[in-house]
N, C-alpha and C. Protein backbone atom coordinates (compact mmCIF):
# COMPACT_ATOMS: atom_id res chain seq x y z
N UNK A 1 5.25 1.55 -16.67
CA UNK A 1 4.33 0.62 -17.07
C UNK A 1 3.03 0.88 -16.26
N UNK A 2 2.02 0.59 -16.98
CA UNK A 2 0.74 0.77 -15.91
C UNK A 2 0.36 -0.72 -15.53
N UNK A 3 0.04 -0.60 -14.36
CA UNK A 3 -0.41 -1.69 -14.08
C UNK A 3 -1.97 -1.95 -13.03
N UNK A 4 -2.87 -1.38 -14.24
CA UNK A 4 -4.24 -0.87 -13.63
C UNK A 4 -5.10 -2.03 -14.30
N UNK A 5 -6.04 -2.35 -13.67
CA UNK A 5 -7.11 -3.11 -13.91
C UNK A 5 -6.71 -4.79 -14.17
N UNK A 6 -7.25 -5.23 -15.21
CA UNK A 6 -7.07 -6.80 -15.70
C UNK A 6 -5.34 -6.66 -16.01
N UNK A 7 -4.68 -5.59 -16.25
CA UNK A 7 -3.21 -5.86 -16.56
C UNK A 7 -2.55 -6.04 -15.42
N UNK A 8 -2.87 -5.60 -14.28
CA UNK A 8 -2.17 -5.93 -12.90
C UNK A 8 -2.07 -7.45 -12.75
N UNK A 9 -0.88 -7.80 -12.26
CA UNK A 9 -0.74 -9.21 -11.61
C UNK A 9 -1.73 -9.87 -10.80
N UNK A 10 -2.08 -10.96 -10.93
CA UNK A 10 -3.06 -11.14 -9.85
C UNK A 10 -2.38 -11.39 -8.44
N UNK A 11 -3.48 -11.10 -7.32
CA UNK A 11 -2.51 -11.06 -6.13
C UNK A 11 -3.46 -12.48 -4.86
N UNK A 12 -4.66 -12.53 -5.47
CA UNK A 12 -5.19 -13.42 -4.79
C UNK A 12 -6.22 -12.53 -3.62
N UNK A 13 -5.69 -11.39 -3.09
CA UNK A 13 -6.50 -10.75 -2.37
C UNK A 13 -6.85 -9.38 -2.71
N UNK A 14 -7.81 -8.66 -2.06
CA UNK A 14 -8.05 -7.58 -2.35
C UNK A 14 -7.23 -6.32 -1.62
N UNK A 15 -6.68 -6.92 -0.72
CA UNK A 15 -5.85 -5.80 0.13
C UNK A 15 -4.46 -5.94 -0.39
N UNK A 16 -4.08 -6.57 -1.30
CA UNK A 16 -2.77 -6.23 -1.78
C UNK A 16 -2.45 -6.07 -3.32
N UNK A 17 -1.37 -5.20 -3.63
CA UNK A 17 -1.25 -4.93 -5.05
C UNK A 17 0.35 -5.61 -5.34
N UNK A 18 0.69 -6.16 -6.37
CA UNK A 18 1.87 -6.67 -6.63
C UNK A 18 2.13 -5.90 -7.61
N UNK A 19 3.52 -5.23 -7.58
CA UNK A 19 4.08 -4.25 -8.52
C UNK A 19 4.63 -4.80 -9.75
N UNK A 20 4.90 -4.36 -11.07
CA UNK A 20 5.52 -5.08 -12.11
C UNK A 20 6.78 -5.36 -11.68
N UNK A 21 7.66 -4.98 -10.96
CA UNK A 21 8.56 -5.59 -10.40
C UNK A 21 8.79 -6.71 -9.39
N UNK A 22 7.72 -6.94 -8.92
CA UNK A 22 7.50 -8.19 -8.23
C UNK A 22 7.32 -7.77 -6.82
N UNK A 23 7.34 -6.60 -5.97
CA UNK A 23 7.01 -6.57 -4.73
C UNK A 23 5.44 -6.55 -4.35
N UNK A 24 5.10 -7.19 -3.37
CA UNK A 24 3.94 -7.17 -2.71
C UNK A 24 3.70 -6.25 -1.87
N UNK A 25 2.67 -5.18 -2.07
CA UNK A 25 2.38 -4.26 -1.02
C UNK A 25 0.99 -4.68 -0.42
N UNK A 26 1.02 -4.59 0.94
CA UNK A 26 -0.24 -5.53 1.32
C UNK A 26 -0.84 -3.88 2.29
N UNK A 27 -2.30 -3.80 2.24
CA UNK A 27 -2.75 -2.80 3.02
C UNK A 27 -3.99 -3.03 3.63
N UNK A 28 -3.89 -3.00 5.24
CA UNK A 28 -4.62 -4.15 6.27
C UNK A 28 -5.10 -2.67 7.02
N UNK A 29 -6.09 -3.12 8.25
CA UNK A 29 -6.34 -2.53 9.45
C UNK A 29 -6.05 -3.02 10.40
N UNK A 30 -5.23 -2.22 11.01
CA UNK A 30 -4.61 -2.80 12.59
C UNK A 30 -5.32 -2.27 13.82
N UNK A 31 -5.80 -3.25 14.45
CA UNK A 31 -6.73 -2.54 15.65
C UNK A 31 -5.89 -2.69 17.08
N UNK A 32 -5.16 -2.22 17.87
CA UNK A 32 -4.62 -2.45 19.04
C UNK A 32 -5.84 -2.17 20.26
N UNK A 33 -6.04 -3.19 21.20
CA UNK A 33 -7.15 -2.71 22.02
C UNK A 33 -6.66 -2.66 23.49
N UNK A 34 -5.88 -1.47 23.89
CA UNK A 34 -5.49 -1.50 25.26
C UNK A 34 -6.84 -1.11 26.22
N UNK A 35 -6.70 -1.35 27.30
CA UNK A 35 -7.91 -1.25 28.46
C UNK A 35 -8.26 0.07 28.38
N UNK A 36 -7.76 1.18 28.08
CA UNK A 36 -7.91 2.66 28.46
C UNK A 36 -8.69 3.30 26.93
N UNK A 37 -8.15 2.87 25.77
CA UNK A 37 -8.45 3.39 24.70
C UNK A 37 -8.14 2.51 23.50
N UNK A 38 -9.04 2.42 22.67
CA UNK A 38 -8.43 1.27 21.20
C UNK A 38 -7.58 2.15 20.23
N UNK A 39 -6.86 1.61 19.59
CA UNK A 39 -6.03 2.33 18.74
C UNK A 39 -6.22 1.59 17.34
N UNK A 40 -6.54 2.28 16.20
CA UNK A 40 -6.68 1.65 14.83
C UNK A 40 -5.82 2.23 14.24
N UNK A 41 -5.20 1.27 13.40
CA UNK A 41 -4.14 1.81 12.21
C UNK A 41 -4.24 1.22 10.71
N UNK A 42 -3.94 2.06 9.88
CA UNK A 42 -3.96 1.48 8.35
C UNK A 42 -2.40 0.85 8.20
N UNK A 43 -2.23 -0.11 7.91
CA UNK A 43 -0.73 -0.64 7.92
C UNK A 43 -0.45 -0.91 6.35
N UNK A 44 0.86 -0.27 6.04
CA UNK A 44 1.38 -1.02 4.65
C UNK A 44 2.41 -1.76 4.82
N UNK A 45 2.60 -2.97 3.97
CA UNK A 45 3.65 -3.69 4.36
C UNK A 45 4.45 -4.05 2.99
N UNK A 46 5.18 -3.34 2.57
CA UNK A 46 5.88 -3.62 1.46
C UNK A 46 7.01 -4.88 1.55
N UNK A 47 6.42 -5.73 0.75
CA UNK A 47 7.28 -7.24 0.84
C UNK A 47 8.81 -7.08 0.63
N UNK A 48 9.38 -8.03 0.26
CA UNK A 48 10.99 -8.10 0.18
C UNK A 48 10.40 -8.37 -1.64
N UNK A 49 11.71 -7.79 -2.21
CA UNK A 49 11.93 -7.60 -3.51
C UNK A 49 12.21 -9.15 -4.24
N UNK A 50 12.32 -8.95 -5.62
CA UNK A 50 12.74 -10.54 -6.10
C UNK A 50 14.18 -10.90 -5.70
N UNK A 51 14.88 -10.04 -5.24
CA UNK A 51 16.24 -10.54 -4.85
C UNK A 51 16.35 -10.93 -3.35
N UNK A 52 14.82 -10.59 -2.75
CA UNK A 52 15.15 -11.11 -1.11
C UNK A 52 15.32 -10.06 -0.13
N UNK A 53 15.63 -9.00 -0.99
CA UNK A 53 15.80 -7.81 0.21
C UNK A 53 14.78 -7.35 0.91
N UNK A 54 14.97 -6.98 2.23
CA UNK A 54 13.79 -7.15 2.79
C UNK A 54 12.68 -5.78 2.68
N UNK A 55 11.59 -5.70 2.99
CA UNK A 55 10.74 -4.45 2.47
C UNK A 55 10.70 -3.77 3.79
N UNK A 56 9.61 -2.84 3.85
CA UNK A 56 9.29 -2.09 4.76
C UNK A 56 8.02 -2.11 5.29
N UNK A 57 7.76 -1.78 6.30
CA UNK A 57 6.30 -1.47 7.38
C UNK A 57 6.14 -0.18 7.59
N UNK A 58 4.94 0.36 7.67
CA UNK A 58 4.13 1.38 8.47
C UNK A 58 2.86 1.18 8.89
N UNK A 59 2.80 2.01 9.94
CA UNK A 59 1.48 2.01 10.25
C UNK A 59 1.03 3.46 10.60
N UNK A 60 -0.26 3.52 9.62
CA UNK A 60 -0.65 5.25 9.64
C UNK A 60 -2.08 5.60 10.40
N UNK A 61 -2.11 6.69 11.01
CA UNK A 61 -3.54 7.34 11.41
C UNK A 61 -4.33 7.11 10.16
N UNK A 62 -5.63 7.13 10.47
CA UNK A 62 -6.54 7.56 9.48
C UNK A 62 -6.20 9.04 8.66
N UNK A 63 -6.03 10.03 9.29
CA UNK A 63 -5.69 11.42 8.66
C UNK A 63 -4.20 10.98 7.45
N UNK A 64 -3.18 10.20 8.28
CA UNK A 64 -2.16 9.89 7.43
C UNK A 64 -2.35 9.36 5.95
N UNK A 65 -3.15 8.09 6.41
CA UNK A 65 -3.42 7.29 5.46
C UNK A 65 -4.35 8.12 4.11
N UNK A 66 -5.20 8.81 4.61
CA UNK A 66 -5.75 9.93 3.74
C UNK A 66 -4.84 10.70 2.87
N UNK A 67 -4.07 11.41 3.68
CA UNK A 67 -2.84 12.17 2.96
C UNK A 67 -2.14 11.43 1.98
N UNK A 68 -1.82 10.37 2.20
CA UNK A 68 -0.79 9.34 1.48
C UNK A 68 -1.63 9.16 0.18
N UNK A 69 -2.90 8.77 0.27
CA UNK A 69 -3.75 8.25 -0.77
C UNK A 69 -3.89 9.48 -1.70
N UNK A 70 -4.30 10.82 -1.12
CA UNK A 70 -4.24 11.90 -2.01
C UNK A 70 -2.96 12.02 -2.52
N UNK A 71 -1.70 11.91 -1.98
CA UNK A 71 -0.58 12.24 -2.65
C UNK A 71 -0.35 11.20 -3.70
N UNK A 72 -0.91 9.86 -3.50
CA UNK A 72 -0.56 8.77 -4.65
C UNK A 72 -1.33 9.09 -5.86
N UNK A 73 -2.71 9.65 -5.51
CA UNK A 73 -3.40 9.57 -6.75
C UNK A 73 -2.78 11.14 -7.74
N UNK A 74 -2.33 12.07 -6.88
CA UNK A 74 -1.55 13.14 -7.62
C UNK A 74 -0.69 12.82 -8.44
N UNK A 75 0.09 12.31 -8.04
CA UNK A 75 1.42 11.34 -8.52
C UNK A 75 0.98 10.61 -9.91
N UNK A 76 -0.07 9.52 -9.56
CA UNK A 76 -0.61 8.60 -10.55
C UNK A 76 -0.79 9.43 -11.74
N UNK A 77 -1.79 10.41 -11.56
CA UNK A 77 -2.25 11.41 -12.45
C UNK A 77 -0.96 12.24 -13.15
N UNK A 78 0.05 12.61 -12.70
CA UNK A 78 1.07 13.12 -13.33
C UNK A 78 2.07 12.06 -14.21
N UNK A 79 2.06 10.91 -13.49
CA UNK A 79 2.72 9.77 -14.43
C UNK A 79 1.84 9.53 -15.76
N UNK A 80 0.49 9.64 -15.44
CA UNK A 80 -0.61 9.11 -16.99
C UNK A 80 -0.20 10.17 -17.78
N UNK A 81 -0.12 11.34 -17.68
CA UNK A 81 -0.10 12.56 -18.25
C UNK A 81 1.57 12.77 -18.88
N UNK A 82 2.09 12.05 -18.17
CA UNK A 82 3.54 12.39 -18.60
C UNK A 82 4.21 13.47 -17.97
N UNK A 83 3.87 14.08 -17.23
CA UNK A 83 4.51 15.74 -16.58
C UNK A 83 5.70 15.25 -15.89
């Protein structure tokens, strides 16, 4: 099932996606500022499912986030083509 554009359930936030099965995936920037050097991460928070089962959370470096984005786009293309 495609959930692109206006077919996607509304989330109220540009940084979140709600899947067709009801999971909310939030993508945000996290900045930690220790005295010696700041650390920035892209976070993914996959919320609870409709049955209340816990989700998962990950913090990625900028390079890891780009690698994940590339893989997601590749897989989305294959899903659209039915490969």
